[in-house]
Amino acid sequence: MSRACPQCAEELREVTADAVTGYRLLLDQCPSCGGLWLDRWELFPLSAEAVQRLDPADTAALQAPAPAAPVPLKCPRCRAPMRHFHDPTLPADARIERCPACEGMWFNRGELRRARSRARPRRVAPLSNDAAEYLAKATQDPASWPTVTNLDGAMRGTGPADEEPSEGLGGHVAWLIVRGLIRLLLHV
């Protein structure tokens, strides 16, 4: 199924990009306006080299007049009207459109480079010696590790009592470890 550029209606072409995890991502790019379509979960794993290659700084193209885009833009995947997307890790003035149905994102030429250059991972304070010793002791016995069947409810504290993490790791410490490992892996 061919996908049309939401900006200029040109047919999008498939391009590959390296991810920081070692995988290759399949993205869609407009050959005319240079805009990029990223499916759900493809933004943050993109490597910096892939961003530089896919969204080069082309001052002549950026200064050239561009036709006005239809408002609202239509999703190239499911044709639903897209909405402005804002994330605290992205520049506040970035004009990124997101499909509420399939959750893909549209980046006009230059937006991906700006978004990735200003999206910085938050610094996490190192663990104190006491906290490191506590975690080392608490994780020695796998039988004491918490199991959660409803992770979302457990994190909000709204799940049933039997779905809350056990006290073996002091509440949500195990989730913090898992979340930290995911951030290290994806560099977010």
Protein backbone atom coordinates (compact mmCIF):
# COMPACT_ATOMS: atom_id res chain seq x y z
CA MET A 1 0.00 0.00 0.00
CA SER A 2 1.53 3.31 -1.05
CA ARG A 3 1.63 6.14 1.42
CA ALA A 4 1.25 9.77 0.42
CA CYS A 5 3.17 12.63 2.00
CA PRO A 6 0.78 14.59 4.26
CA GLN A 7 2.63 17.81 3.34
CA CYS A 8 2.81 17.65 -0.48
CA ALA A 9 0.94 14.42 -1.47
CA GLU A 10 4.07 12.92 -3.13
CA GLU A 11 4.45 9.15 -2.68
CA LEU A 12 6.68 8.34 0.31
CA ARG A 13 9.74 6.14 -0.23
CA GLU A 14 11.02 3.57 2.24
CA VAL A 15 14.42 4.33 3.77
CA THR A 16 16.42 2.35 6.31
CA ALA A 17 18.00 3.79 9.43
CA ASP A 18 20.24 2.31 12.10
CA ALA A 19 18.97 2.16 15.66
CA VAL A 20 21.13 2.49 18.76
CA THR A 21 20.11 -1.07 19.67
CA GLY A 22 21.81 -2.48 16.55
CA TYR A 23 18.60 -3.08 14.61
CA ARG A 24 17.57 -1.42 11.36
CA LEU A 25 14.40 0.63 11.19
CA LEU A 26 12.26 1.05 8.08
CA LEU A 27 11.04 4.65 7.79
CA ASP A 28 9.18 6.58 5.09
CA GLN A 29 10.55 9.78 3.54
CA CYS A 30 9.14 12.18 1.00
CA PRO A 31 11.51 12.62 -1.97
CA SER A 32 10.06 16.05 -2.68
CA CYS A 33 9.82 17.92 0.63
CA GLY A 34 12.16 15.69 2.69
CA GLY A 35 9.63 15.08 5.47
CA LEU A 36 9.87 11.86 7.48
CA TRP A 37 7.19 9.49 8.76
CA LEU A 38 8.12 7.49 11.84
CA ASP A 39 5.87 4.73 13.06
CA ARG A 40 5.17 4.29 16.74
CA TRP A 41 8.34 3.81 18.87
CA GLU A 42 10.82 4.69 16.09
CA LEU A 43 11.91 8.16 17.23
CA PHE A 44 14.14 7.57 20.23
CA PRO A 45 16.00 4.42 19.08
CA LEU A 46 17.27 6.25 15.95
CA SER A 47 21.04 6.65 15.97
CA ALA A 48 22.56 10.13 15.62
CA GLU A 49 24.26 9.06 12.37
CA ALA A 50 20.91 8.00 10.90
CA VAL A 51 19.37 11.36 11.81
CA GLN A 52 22.25 13.21 10.13
CA ARG A 53 21.88 11.09 6.98
CA LEU A 54 18.08 11.25 6.74
CA ASP A 55 17.59 14.89 7.68
CA PRO A 56 20.58 16.81 6.29
CA ALA A 57 20.80 20.56 6.72
CA ASP A 58 19.90 21.91 3.28
CA THR A 59 19.71 25.69 3.56
CA ALA A 60 18.62 26.16 -0.06
CA ALA A 61 15.67 23.80 0.40
CA LEU A 62 14.79 25.37 3.74
CA GLN A 63 14.79 28.89 2.26
CA ALA A 64 12.77 27.96 -0.82
CA PRO A 65 9.04 28.72 -0.70
CA ALA A 66 6.90 25.75 0.23
CA PRO A 67 3.24 25.26 -0.59
CA ALA A 68 0.83 25.55 2.31
CA ALA A 69 -0.06 22.20 3.78
CA PRO A 70 -3.65 21.13 4.32
CA VAL A 71 -4.77 21.66 7.89
CA PRO A 72 -4.99 19.27 9.63
CA LEU A 73 -2.50 16.96 7.96
CA LYS A 74 -3.74 13.44 7.17
CA CYS A 75 -1.86 10.40 8.45
CA PRO A 76 -0.06 8.63 5.58
CA ARG A 77 -0.77 5.25 7.18
CA CYS A 78 -4.46 5.40 8.16
CA ARG A 79 -5.58 8.82 6.74
CA ALA A 80 -6.83 10.03 10.16
CA PRO A 81 -6.38 13.74 10.92
CA MET A 82 -3.13 14.27 12.83
CA ARG A 83 -2.65 16.51 15.86
CA HIS A 84 0.21 18.66 17.10
CA PHE A 85 2.53 16.58 19.30
CA HIS A 86 4.45 17.90 22.28
CA ASP A 87 6.85 16.01 24.52
CA PRO A 88 8.88 17.66 27.31
CA THR A 89 12.12 16.19 25.90
CA LEU A 90 11.56 17.82 22.49
CA PRO A 91 11.90 21.52 21.60
CA ALA A 92 8.79 23.48 22.60
CA ASP A 93 8.57 25.18 19.20
CA ALA A 94 8.96 21.98 17.16
CA ARG A 95 6.09 21.40 14.76
CA ILE A 96 5.59 17.65 14.94
CA GLU A 97 2.31 16.05 13.97
CA ARG A 98 1.11 12.77 15.49
CA CYS A 99 -1.67 10.44 14.46
CA PRO A 100 -4.00 9.67 17.38
CA ALA A 101 -5.05 6.39 15.77
CA CYS A 102 -1.77 4.64 14.84
CA GLU A 103 0.53 6.94 16.90
CA GLY A 104 2.99 7.58 14.06
CA MET A 105 4.71 10.98 13.79
CA TRP A 106 5.38 13.33 10.89
CA PHE A 107 8.54 15.46 10.90
CA ASN A 108 8.92 18.23 8.33
CA ARG A 109 12.41 18.74 6.88
CA GLY A 110 14.75 19.85 9.66
CA GLU A 111 12.43 18.94 12.54
CA LEU A 112 13.92 15.51 13.21
CA ARG A 113 17.42 16.97 13.44
CA ARG A 114 16.22 19.70 15.79
CA ALA A 115 14.24 17.27 17.92
CA ARG A 116 17.12 14.85 18.32
CA SER A 117 19.77 17.51 18.87
CA ARG A 118 17.80 19.07 21.73
CA ALA A 119 16.36 15.88 23.21
CA ARG A 120 18.82 15.12 25.97
CA PRO A 121 18.64 12.23 28.37
CA ARG A 122 18.10 13.29 31.93
CA ARG A 123 21.07 12.83 34.23
CA VAL A 124 20.45 10.36 37.02
CA ALA A 125 22.28 10.89 40.28
CA PRO A 126 24.61 8.01 41.20
CA LEU A 127 23.50 5.67 43.96
CA SER A 128 24.93 6.23 47.41
CA ASN A 129 26.96 3.40 48.95
CA ASP A 130 24.11 2.65 51.37
CA ALA A 131 21.58 2.40 48.54
CA ALA A 132 23.89 0.18 46.48
CA GLU A 133 24.42 -2.16 49.45
CA TYR A 134 20.66 -2.30 50.09
CA LEU A 135 19.99 -3.22 46.43
CA ALA A 136 22.73 -5.84 46.45
CA LYS A 137 21.25 -7.50 49.54
CA ALA A 138 17.66 -7.20 48.35
CA THR A 139 18.33 -8.79 44.95
CA GLN A 140 20.25 -11.83 46.23
CA ASP A 141 17.12 -13.91 46.81
CA PRO A 142 15.04 -14.24 43.60
CA ALA A 143 12.10 -15.53 45.64
CA SER A 144 11.76 -12.07 47.18
CA TRP A 145 11.59 -10.29 43.82
CA PRO A 146 8.23 -8.63 43.15
CA THR A 147 5.92 -9.89 40.45
CA VAL A 148 3.36 -7.56 38.99
CA THR A 149 0.57 -8.65 36.67
CA ASN A 150 -0.72 -5.12 36.18
CA LEU A 151 2.39 -2.94 35.92
CA ASP A 152 0.46 0.20 35.00
CA GLY A 153 -1.85 -0.16 38.00
CA ALA A 154 1.05 -0.96 40.32
CA MET A 155 2.93 2.18 39.25
CA ARG A 156 -0.10 4.38 39.89
CA GLY A 157 -0.98 2.53 43.07
CA THR A 158 -4.48 1.82 41.75
CA GLY A 159 -4.17 -1.93 41.13
CA PRO A 160 -5.58 -4.54 43.49
CA ALA A 161 -3.51 -5.28 46.60
CA ASP A 162 -2.38 -8.65 45.25
CA GLU A 163 -0.89 -6.89 42.18
CA GLU A 164 1.27 -4.48 44.13
CA PRO A 165 5.00 -5.21 44.24
CA SER A 166 6.08 -7.16 47.30
CA GLU A 167 8.00 -5.45 50.06
CA GLY A 168 11.08 -7.58 49.26
CA LEU A 169 12.68 -4.76 47.28
CA GLY A 170 11.21 -1.82 49.11
CA GLY A 171 8.22 -1.05 46.92
CA HIS A 172 9.05 0.10 43.40
CA VAL A 173 12.83 -0.31 43.48
CA ALA A 174 12.73 -3.21 41.00
CA TRP A 175 10.75 -1.12 38.53
CA LEU A 176 13.25 1.72 38.91
CA ILE A 177 16.06 -0.69 38.07
CA VAL A 178 14.23 -1.99 35.00
CA ARG A 179 13.39 1.54 33.87
CA GLY A 180 17.01 2.61 34.33
CA LEU A 181 18.23 -0.32 32.24
CA ILE A 182 15.76 0.54 29.46
CA ARG A 183 16.95 4.16 29.47
CA LEU A 184 20.58 3.06 29.27
CA LEU A 185 19.80 0.70 26.42
CA LEU A 186 17.82 3.25 24.40
CA HIS A 187 19.80 6.32 25.50
CA VAL A 188 16.62 8.18 26.57
